[in-house]
Amino acid sequence: MLAYGLFTGGPLVPMDDYGDVGAGVVKEDPLDTLASTFGGEPVKTKGGISVQATELKSFEPSDLGALEEGALPQLFTISITNGTKKSIDLFSVAIVKTDIDGDTQAVCADIFDESQNLMGVPFEPLAAGDTVEFPWGMACPGTAGAKISVTIAITDKEQVQFDGKLA
């Protein structure tokens, strides 16, 4: 089974009967963003979580017809090591932003493909001191060799931007 997903949050808007909510603007602390490269060394968040991603490579999903025309299927493995003193949920791990050759509107969609073990983030919490590796598939617009930046949320306060080139 192949599933092709795009997950985005909608804009915040003021609602009737809520009074003045500041035109829907919610002030939040900025996320701590670390820089890395696909295939680079692990980076460690302030919270003690180490993250690494392999080089991007092209692959063939089991159902090519499910992809948008012209999309390049990309595959990488993400490794997360829990350097904290308690177990952590991995539900926060998600692609939050992509940039292809400077186009910040370019969107890479997640590919879920059971036959290739592309099942998303593991459901089990990651125990203190443990490491988990899992494959990640995405379909991106563009051409092979194009520069890509993928920002992945690690926690609700920390994210890593991986730079590389489309395979």
N, C-alpha and C. Protein backbone atom coordinates (compact mmCIF):
# COMPACT_ATOMS: atom_id res chain seq x y z
N MET A 1 0.84 -1.18 0.00
CA MET A 1 0.00 0.00 0.00
C MET A 1 0.89 1.24 0.00
N LEU A 2 0.56 2.19 -0.83
CA LEU A 2 1.30 3.44 -0.92
C LEU A 2 0.35 4.57 -0.57
N ALA A 3 0.80 5.44 0.30
CA ALA A 3 0.02 6.63 0.63
C ALA A 3 0.92 7.82 0.39
N TYR A 4 0.36 8.88 -0.07
CA TYR A 4 1.09 10.08 -0.43
C TYR A 4 0.46 11.18 0.39
N GLY A 5 1.22 11.83 1.26
CA GLY A 5 0.58 12.78 2.16
C GLY A 5 1.26 14.12 2.19
N LEU A 6 0.49 15.11 2.44
CA LEU A 6 0.98 16.46 2.63
C LEU A 6 0.29 16.99 3.86
N PHE A 7 1.09 17.29 4.87
CA PHE A 7 0.51 17.74 6.13
C PHE A 7 0.90 19.18 6.37
N THR A 8 -0.09 20.03 6.50
CA THR A 8 0.18 21.43 6.80
C THR A 8 -0.81 21.90 7.84
N GLY A 9 -0.43 22.89 8.56
CA GLY A 9 -1.36 23.52 9.50
C GLY A 9 -1.97 24.72 8.82
N GLY A 10 -3.23 24.94 9.04
CA GLY A 10 -3.89 26.09 8.43
C GLY A 10 -3.55 27.37 9.14
N PRO A 11 -3.89 28.50 8.56
CA PRO A 11 -3.59 29.78 9.18
C PRO A 11 -4.46 30.02 10.40
N LEU A 12 -3.94 30.76 11.35
CA LEU A 12 -4.72 31.16 12.51
C LEU A 12 -5.56 32.36 12.12
N VAL A 13 -6.83 32.32 12.42
CA VAL A 13 -7.71 33.43 12.07
C VAL A 13 -8.57 33.79 13.27
N PRO A 14 -8.95 35.07 13.37
CA PRO A 14 -9.84 35.45 14.48
C PRO A 14 -11.22 34.83 14.26
N MET A 15 -11.81 34.39 15.34
CA MET A 15 -13.12 33.76 15.26
C MET A 15 -14.17 34.70 15.85
N ASP A 16 -15.39 34.59 15.32
CA ASP A 16 -16.49 35.36 15.88
C ASP A 16 -16.67 35.01 17.34
N ASP A 17 -17.10 35.97 18.13
CA ASP A 17 -17.39 35.80 19.56
C ASP A 17 -16.13 35.55 20.39
N TYR A 18 -14.96 35.80 19.85
CA TYR A 18 -13.74 35.63 20.63
C TYR A 18 -13.13 36.98 20.98
N GLY A 19 -13.79 38.06 20.60
CA GLY A 19 -13.26 39.38 20.89
C GLY A 19 -12.03 39.66 20.06
N ASP A 20 -11.19 40.56 20.55
CA ASP A 20 -9.97 40.91 19.84
C ASP A 20 -8.89 39.89 20.16
N VAL A 21 -8.55 39.08 19.19
CA VAL A 21 -7.51 38.06 19.39
C VAL A 21 -6.24 38.44 18.64
N GLY A 22 -6.07 39.72 18.39
CA GLY A 22 -4.85 40.18 17.73
C GLY A 22 -4.75 39.71 16.29
N ALA A 23 -5.84 39.72 15.57
CA ALA A 23 -5.89 39.32 14.16
C ALA A 23 -5.35 37.91 13.97
N GLY A 24 -5.53 37.07 14.98
CA GLY A 24 -5.15 35.66 14.84
C GLY A 24 -3.67 35.40 15.02
N VAL A 25 -2.92 36.40 15.45
CA VAL A 25 -1.48 36.20 15.63
C VAL A 25 -1.22 35.66 17.02
N VAL A 26 -0.51 34.56 17.07
CA VAL A 26 -0.12 33.96 18.34
C VAL A 26 1.38 34.15 18.47
N LYS A 27 1.79 34.78 19.57
CA LYS A 27 3.22 34.98 19.78
C LYS A 27 3.78 33.74 20.45
N GLU A 28 4.78 33.14 19.79
CA GLU A 28 5.43 31.96 20.32
C GLU A 28 6.93 32.20 20.36
N ASP A 29 7.61 31.46 21.22
CA ASP A 29 9.06 31.51 21.23
C ASP A 29 9.56 30.94 19.92
N PRO A 30 10.59 31.55 19.34
CA PRO A 30 11.12 31.00 18.09
C PRO A 30 11.74 29.62 18.35
N LEU A 31 11.67 28.77 17.35
CA LEU A 31 12.25 27.44 17.47
C LEU A 31 13.77 27.54 17.34
N ASP A 32 14.46 26.70 18.08
CA ASP A 32 15.91 26.59 17.97
C ASP A 32 16.19 25.75 16.74
N THR A 33 16.84 26.34 15.71
CA THR A 33 17.12 25.64 14.46
C THR A 33 18.60 25.38 14.32
N LEU A 34 18.94 24.10 14.17
CA LEU A 34 20.32 23.69 13.96
C LEU A 34 20.54 23.43 12.48
N ALA A 35 21.75 23.63 12.00
CA ALA A 35 22.06 23.41 10.60
C ALA A 35 22.88 22.12 10.45
N SER A 36 22.56 21.36 9.42
CA SER A 36 23.30 20.14 9.11
C SER A 36 23.20 19.90 7.61
N THR A 37 23.80 18.81 7.16
CA THR A 37 23.69 18.42 5.77
C THR A 37 23.26 16.97 5.70
N PHE A 38 22.59 16.62 4.60
CA PHE A 38 22.28 15.22 4.36
C PHE A 38 23.62 14.50 4.20
N GLY A 39 23.82 13.45 4.98
CA GLY A 39 25.08 12.72 4.95
C GLY A 39 26.14 13.30 5.86
N GLY A 40 25.80 14.35 6.59
CA GLY A 40 26.76 15.00 7.49
C GLY A 40 26.82 14.35 8.86
N GLU A 41 27.59 14.97 9.72
CA GLU A 41 27.74 14.50 11.10
C GLU A 41 26.46 14.77 11.89
N PRO A 42 26.25 13.99 12.97
CA PRO A 42 25.07 14.26 13.82
C PRO A 42 25.16 15.65 14.46
N VAL A 43 24.00 16.26 14.67
CA VAL A 43 23.92 17.52 15.42
C VAL A 43 23.15 17.25 16.69
N LYS A 44 23.49 17.97 17.74
CA LYS A 44 22.86 17.75 19.04
C LYS A 44 22.08 18.99 19.46
N THR A 45 20.81 18.79 19.78
CA THR A 45 19.96 19.90 20.22
C THR A 45 20.33 20.32 21.64
N LYS A 46 19.90 21.49 22.04
CA LYS A 46 20.12 21.95 23.42
C LYS A 46 19.49 20.98 24.42
N GLY A 47 18.41 20.32 23.99
CA GLY A 47 17.74 19.37 24.86
C GLY A 47 18.45 18.03 24.97
N GLY A 48 19.52 17.82 24.19
CA GLY A 48 20.30 16.60 24.30
C GLY A 48 19.95 15.50 23.32
N ILE A 49 19.21 15.83 22.27
CA ILE A 49 18.83 14.83 21.26
C ILE A 49 19.73 15.01 20.04
N SER A 50 20.39 13.93 19.63
CA SER A 50 21.26 13.97 18.45
C SER A 50 20.49 13.48 17.23
N VAL A 51 20.70 14.17 16.10
CA VAL A 51 19.96 13.87 14.88
C VAL A 51 20.92 13.83 13.70
N GLN A 52 20.71 12.88 12.81
CA GLN A 52 21.53 12.74 11.61
C GLN A 52 20.66 12.21 10.48
N ALA A 53 20.96 12.61 9.25
CA ALA A 53 20.23 12.11 8.08
C ALA A 53 21.25 11.68 7.03
N THR A 54 20.97 10.56 6.36
CA THR A 54 21.84 10.09 5.30
C THR A 54 21.67 10.95 4.05
N GLU A 55 22.55 10.76 3.07
CA GLU A 55 22.42 11.43 1.78
C GLU A 55 21.07 11.07 1.15
N LEU A 56 20.51 11.98 0.39
CA LEU A 56 19.30 11.69 -0.36
C LEU A 56 19.63 10.74 -1.51
N LYS A 57 18.73 9.81 -1.77
CA LYS A 57 18.88 8.97 -2.96
C LYS A 57 17.51 8.80 -3.58
N SER A 58 17.52 8.59 -4.89
CA SER A 58 16.25 8.38 -5.57
C SER A 58 15.82 6.93 -5.34
N PHE A 59 14.52 6.69 -5.44
CA PHE A 59 13.99 5.34 -5.30
C PHE A 59 12.69 5.26 -6.06
N GLU A 60 12.18 4.06 -6.22
CA GLU A 60 10.94 3.87 -6.95
C GLU A 60 9.86 3.36 -5.99
N PRO A 61 8.89 4.21 -5.65
CA PRO A 61 7.78 3.77 -4.80
C PRO A 61 7.00 2.64 -5.49
N SER A 62 6.28 1.86 -4.71
CA SER A 62 5.54 0.73 -5.29
C SER A 62 4.40 1.18 -6.19
N ASP A 63 3.91 2.42 -6.03
CA ASP A 63 2.83 2.92 -6.87
C ASP A 63 3.21 4.29 -7.41
N LEU A 64 3.91 4.30 -8.53
CA LEU A 64 4.34 5.57 -9.13
C LEU A 64 3.16 6.45 -9.54
N GLY A 65 2.02 5.84 -9.83
CA GLY A 65 0.84 6.60 -10.24
C GLY A 65 0.29 7.49 -9.14
N ALA A 66 0.69 7.24 -7.90
CA ALA A 66 0.20 8.05 -6.78
C ALA A 66 0.95 9.37 -6.64
N LEU A 67 2.05 9.51 -7.35
CA LEU A 67 2.86 10.72 -7.24
C LEU A 67 2.38 11.79 -8.22
N GLU A 68 2.61 13.05 -7.84
CA GLU A 68 2.33 14.14 -8.76
C GLU A 68 3.29 14.05 -9.94
N GLU A 69 2.81 14.45 -11.10
CA GLU A 69 3.65 14.41 -12.30
C GLU A 69 4.90 15.27 -12.09
N GLY A 70 6.03 14.72 -12.41
CA GLY A 70 7.29 15.45 -12.28
C GLY A 70 7.93 15.39 -10.92
N ALA A 71 7.27 14.78 -9.94
CA ALA A 71 7.84 14.70 -8.59
C ALA A 71 8.98 13.68 -8.56
N LEU A 72 10.04 14.03 -7.85
CA LEU A 72 11.18 13.13 -7.69
C LEU A 72 11.08 12.42 -6.35
N PRO A 73 10.91 11.10 -6.34
CA PRO A 73 10.90 10.37 -5.06
C PRO A 73 12.31 10.38 -4.45
N GLN A 74 12.40 10.80 -3.21
CA GLN A 74 13.67 10.88 -2.50
C GLN A 74 13.59 10.03 -1.23
N LEU A 75 14.69 9.41 -0.89
CA LEU A 75 14.73 8.53 0.27
C LEU A 75 15.96 8.86 1.10
N PHE A 76 15.79 8.89 2.42
CA PHE A 76 16.92 9.03 3.33
C PHE A 76 16.57 8.31 4.63
N THR A 77 17.58 8.08 5.43
CA THR A 77 17.37 7.47 6.75
C THR A 77 17.70 8.52 7.79
N ILE A 78 16.83 8.64 8.77
CA ILE A 78 17.06 9.57 9.87
C ILE A 78 17.41 8.76 11.11
N SER A 79 18.38 9.25 11.84
CA SER A 79 18.83 8.60 13.07
C SER A 79 18.66 9.60 14.21
N ILE A 80 18.01 9.15 15.28
CA ILE A 80 17.78 10.01 16.44
C ILE A 80 18.30 9.29 17.68
N THR A 81 19.16 9.95 18.45
CA THR A 81 19.68 9.41 19.70
C THR A 81 19.16 10.25 20.85
N ASN A 82 18.54 9.62 21.80
CA ASN A 82 17.98 10.30 22.96
C ASN A 82 19.05 10.45 24.03
N GLY A 83 19.63 11.62 24.12
CA GLY A 83 20.64 11.90 25.13
C GLY A 83 20.07 12.52 26.39
N THR A 84 18.76 12.46 26.55
CA THR A 84 18.12 13.00 27.75
C THR A 84 18.06 11.91 28.82
N LYS A 85 17.51 12.25 29.96
CA LYS A 85 17.40 11.30 31.06
C LYS A 85 16.03 10.62 31.12
N LYS A 86 15.18 10.92 30.14
CA LYS A 86 13.85 10.30 30.13
C LYS A 86 13.48 9.91 28.70
N SER A 87 12.50 9.05 28.57
CA SER A 87 12.06 8.65 27.23
C SER A 87 11.35 9.83 26.56
N ILE A 88 11.40 9.84 25.23
CA ILE A 88 10.77 10.91 24.47
C ILE A 88 9.84 10.32 23.42
N ASP A 89 8.74 11.01 23.17
CA ASP A 89 7.85 10.65 22.07
C ASP A 89 8.44 11.23 20.79
N LEU A 90 8.25 10.53 19.70
CA LEU A 90 8.76 11.00 18.41
C LEU A 90 7.66 11.60 17.54
N PHE A 91 6.47 11.80 18.11
CA PHE A 91 5.35 12.31 17.33
C PHE A 91 5.59 13.72 16.80
N SER A 92 6.52 14.47 17.41
CA SER A 92 6.82 15.82 16.93
C SER A 92 7.68 15.82 15.67
N VAL A 93 8.32 14.68 15.36
CA VAL A 93 9.22 14.62 14.22
C VAL A 93 8.41 14.70 12.93
N ALA A 94 8.65 15.77 12.16
CA ALA A 94 7.90 16.00 10.92
C ALA A 94 8.63 17.03 10.07
N ILE A 95 8.49 16.90 8.77
CA ILE A 95 9.01 17.93 7.87
C ILE A 95 8.11 19.15 8.00
N VAL A 96 8.71 20.28 8.33
CA VAL A 96 7.93 21.50 8.50
C VAL A 96 8.18 22.54 7.40
N LYS A 97 9.26 22.35 6.62
CA LYS A 97 9.57 23.34 5.59
C LYS A 97 10.53 22.74 4.58
N THR A 98 10.33 23.06 3.31
CA THR A 98 11.29 22.70 2.27
C THR A 98 11.58 23.92 1.41
N ASP A 99 12.76 23.93 0.85
CA ASP A 99 13.21 25.00 -0.02
C ASP A 99 14.02 24.33 -1.12
N ILE A 100 13.61 24.49 -2.37
CA ILE A 100 14.33 23.89 -3.48
C ILE A 100 14.82 24.99 -4.40
N ASP A 101 16.13 25.08 -4.53
CA ASP A 101 16.77 26.13 -5.34
C ASP A 101 16.24 27.52 -5.00
N GLY A 102 16.04 27.78 -3.71
CA GLY A 102 15.59 29.09 -3.25
C GLY A 102 14.09 29.30 -3.29
N ASP A 103 13.33 28.33 -3.79
CA ASP A 103 11.87 28.44 -3.85
C ASP A 103 11.28 27.92 -2.54
N THR A 104 10.91 28.84 -1.66
CA THR A 104 10.36 28.46 -0.35
C THR A 104 8.92 27.96 -0.46
N GLN A 105 8.31 28.09 -1.64
CA GLN A 105 6.96 27.59 -1.84
C GLN A 105 6.97 26.13 -2.32
N ALA A 106 8.14 25.61 -2.64
CA ALA A 106 8.26 24.22 -3.10
C ALA A 106 7.95 23.29 -1.93
N VAL A 107 7.08 22.34 -2.16
CA VAL A 107 6.64 21.45 -1.08
C VAL A 107 6.99 20.01 -1.44
N CYS A 108 7.68 19.35 -0.53
CA CYS A 108 7.94 17.92 -0.66
C CYS A 108 6.89 17.20 0.18
N ALA A 109 6.23 16.25 -0.42
CA ALA A 109 5.18 15.50 0.26
C ALA A 109 5.73 14.17 0.76
N ASP A 110 5.34 13.79 1.97
CA ASP A 110 5.75 12.51 2.52
C ASP A 110 5.22 11.36 1.68
N ILE A 111 6.01 10.31 1.58
CA ILE A 111 5.58 9.08 0.92
C ILE A 111 5.54 7.98 1.97
N PHE A 112 4.39 7.35 2.10
CA PHE A 112 4.24 6.19 2.98
C PHE A 112 4.04 4.98 2.08
N ASP A 113 4.91 4.00 2.23
CA ASP A 113 4.90 2.84 1.35
C ASP A 113 5.25 1.61 2.20
N GLU A 114 4.23 0.90 2.60
CA GLU A 114 4.40 -0.24 3.51
C GLU A 114 5.37 -1.28 2.93
N SER A 115 5.31 -1.52 1.62
CA SER A 115 6.16 -2.55 1.02
C SER A 115 7.65 -2.17 1.07
N GLN A 116 7.95 -0.89 1.31
CA GLN A 116 9.34 -0.45 1.41
C GLN A 116 9.68 0.05 2.82
N ASN A 117 8.84 -0.32 3.77
CA ASN A 117 9.02 0.04 5.18
C ASN A 117 9.03 1.56 5.41
N LEU A 118 8.34 2.29 4.57
CA LEU A 118 8.20 3.74 4.76
C LEU A 118 6.90 3.97 5.53
N MET A 119 6.99 3.81 6.83
CA MET A 119 5.81 3.84 7.69
C MET A 119 5.73 5.10 8.54
N GLY A 120 6.65 6.02 8.35
CA GLY A 120 6.66 7.23 9.15
C GLY A 120 7.46 7.05 10.42
N VAL A 121 7.19 7.92 11.36
CA VAL A 121 7.92 7.93 12.63
C VAL A 121 7.48 6.74 13.49
N PRO A 122 8.43 6.09 14.17
CA PRO A 122 8.04 4.99 15.06
C PRO A 122 7.07 5.44 16.15
N PHE A 123 6.15 4.55 16.49
CA PHE A 123 5.13 4.87 17.49
C PHE A 123 5.66 4.77 18.92
N GLU A 124 6.65 3.91 19.13
CA GLU A 124 7.13 3.66 20.48
C GLU A 124 8.00 4.83 20.95
N PRO A 125 7.87 5.20 22.24
CA PRO A 125 8.76 6.23 22.78
C PRO A 125 10.21 5.76 22.70
N LEU A 126 11.13 6.70 22.58
CA LEU A 126 12.55 6.40 22.52
C LEU A 126 13.13 6.55 23.92
N ALA A 127 13.61 5.43 24.49
CA ALA A 127 14.13 5.43 25.86
C ALA A 127 15.40 6.26 25.95
N ALA A 128 15.68 6.76 27.15
CA ALA A 128 16.89 7.53 27.40
C ALA A 128 18.11 6.70 26.99
N GLY A 129 19.02 7.30 26.23
CA GLY A 129 20.23 6.63 25.81
C GLY A 129 20.10 5.77 24.56
N ASP A 130 18.88 5.54 24.08
CA ASP A 130 18.67 4.70 22.91
C ASP A 130 18.72 5.51 21.61
N THR A 131 18.93 4.78 20.51
CA THR A 131 18.96 5.35 19.17
C THR A 131 17.95 4.61 18.31
N VAL A 132 17.27 5.34 17.44
CA VAL A 132 16.37 4.73 16.47
C VAL A 132 16.72 5.26 15.09
N GLU A 133 16.65 4.38 14.11
CA GLU A 133 16.83 4.76 12.71
C GLU A 133 15.61 4.33 11.94
N PHE A 134 15.14 5.18 11.02
CA PHE A 134 14.00 4.81 10.20
C PHE A 134 14.09 5.54 8.86
N PRO A 135 13.59 4.88 7.81
CA PRO A 135 13.63 5.50 6.48
C PRO A 135 12.53 6.55 6.34
N TRP A 136 12.80 7.54 5.50
CA TRP A 136 11.84 8.60 5.23
C TRP A 136 11.78 8.79 3.72
N GLY A 137 10.59 8.75 3.17
CA GLY A 137 10.40 8.99 1.75
C GLY A 137 9.63 10.27 1.52
N MET A 138 10.00 10.99 0.48
CA MET A 138 9.28 12.22 0.13
C MET A 138 9.37 12.41 -1.37
N ALA A 139 8.38 13.08 -1.92
CA ALA A 139 8.34 13.39 -3.34
C ALA A 139 8.48 14.90 -3.49
N CYS A 140 9.49 15.30 -4.24
CA CYS A 140 9.82 16.72 -4.34
C CYS A 140 9.75 17.20 -5.79
N PRO A 141 9.31 18.44 -6.00
CA PRO A 141 9.39 19.02 -7.34
C PRO A 141 10.84 19.38 -7.62
N GLY A 142 11.18 19.51 -8.87
CA GLY A 142 12.54 19.93 -9.21
C GLY A 142 13.26 18.90 -10.05
N THR A 143 14.55 19.12 -10.21
CA THR A 143 15.37 18.23 -11.02
C THR A 143 16.53 17.71 -10.18
N ALA A 144 17.04 16.56 -10.59
CA ALA A 144 18.18 15.98 -9.89
C ALA A 144 19.33 16.99 -9.88
N GLY A 145 19.98 17.11 -8.73
CA GLY A 145 21.08 18.06 -8.57
C GLY A 145 20.66 19.41 -8.02
N ALA A 146 19.35 19.68 -7.96
CA ALA A 146 18.88 20.95 -7.40
C ALA A 146 19.19 21.01 -5.91
N LYS A 147 19.53 22.21 -5.44
CA LYS A 147 19.79 22.40 -4.01
C LYS A 147 18.48 22.29 -3.24
N ILE A 148 18.53 21.59 -2.10
CA ILE A 148 17.34 21.43 -1.28
C ILE A 148 17.69 21.65 0.18
N SER A 149 16.78 22.30 0.89
CA SER A 149 16.86 22.43 2.34
C SER A 149 15.56 21.85 2.90
N VAL A 150 15.69 20.95 3.84
CA VAL A 150 14.54 20.34 4.48
C VAL A 150 14.65 20.58 5.98
N THR A 151 13.65 21.24 6.55
CA THR A 151 13.64 21.50 7.98
C THR A 151 12.71 20.50 8.64
N ILE A 152 13.26 19.77 9.61
CA ILE A 152 12.51 18.73 10.31
C ILE A 152 12.40 19.11 11.78
N ALA A 153 11.15 19.19 12.26
CA ALA A 153 10.92 19.43 13.68
C ALA A 153 11.34 18.18 14.44
N ILE A 154 12.06 18.36 15.52
CA ILE A 154 12.49 17.24 16.36
C ILE A 154 11.64 17.23 17.63
N THR A 155 11.45 18.38 18.21
CA THR A 155 10.55 18.54 19.36
C THR A 155 9.68 19.76 19.06
N ASP A 156 8.85 20.13 20.00
CA ASP A 156 8.03 21.31 19.78
C ASP A 156 8.83 22.60 19.89
N LYS A 157 10.12 22.52 20.26
CA LYS A 157 10.96 23.71 20.39
C LYS A 157 12.25 23.64 19.58
N GLU A 158 12.54 22.49 18.97
CA GLU A 158 13.82 22.33 18.29
C GLU A 158 13.61 21.69 16.91
N GLN A 159 14.41 22.16 15.94
CA GLN A 159 14.33 21.61 14.59
C GLN A 159 15.72 21.63 13.96
N VAL A 160 15.86 20.80 12.92
CA VAL A 160 17.15 20.73 12.21
C VAL A 160 16.88 20.98 10.74
N GLN A 161 17.70 21.84 10.14
CA GLN A 161 17.63 22.09 8.70
C GLN A 161 18.75 21.31 8.03
N PHE A 162 18.37 20.37 7.16
CA PHE A 162 19.32 19.57 6.40
C PHE A 162 19.42 20.14 5.00
N ASP A 163 20.65 20.40 4.55
CA ASP A 163 20.89 20.89 3.20
C ASP A 163 21.53 19.80 2.36
N GLY A 164 21.24 19.80 1.07
CA GLY A 164 21.82 18.82 0.18
C GLY A 164 21.38 19.07 -1.24
N LYS A 165 21.39 17.99 -2.03
CA LYS A 165 20.96 18.08 -3.44
C LYS A 165 20.01 16.94 -3.74
N LEU A 166 19.00 17.23 -4.55
CA LEU A 166 18.07 16.18 -4.96
C LEU A 166 18.82 15.12 -5.75
N ALA A 167 18.45 13.88 -5.49
CA ALA A 167 19.10 12.76 -6.18
C ALA A 167 18.40 12.50 -7.51
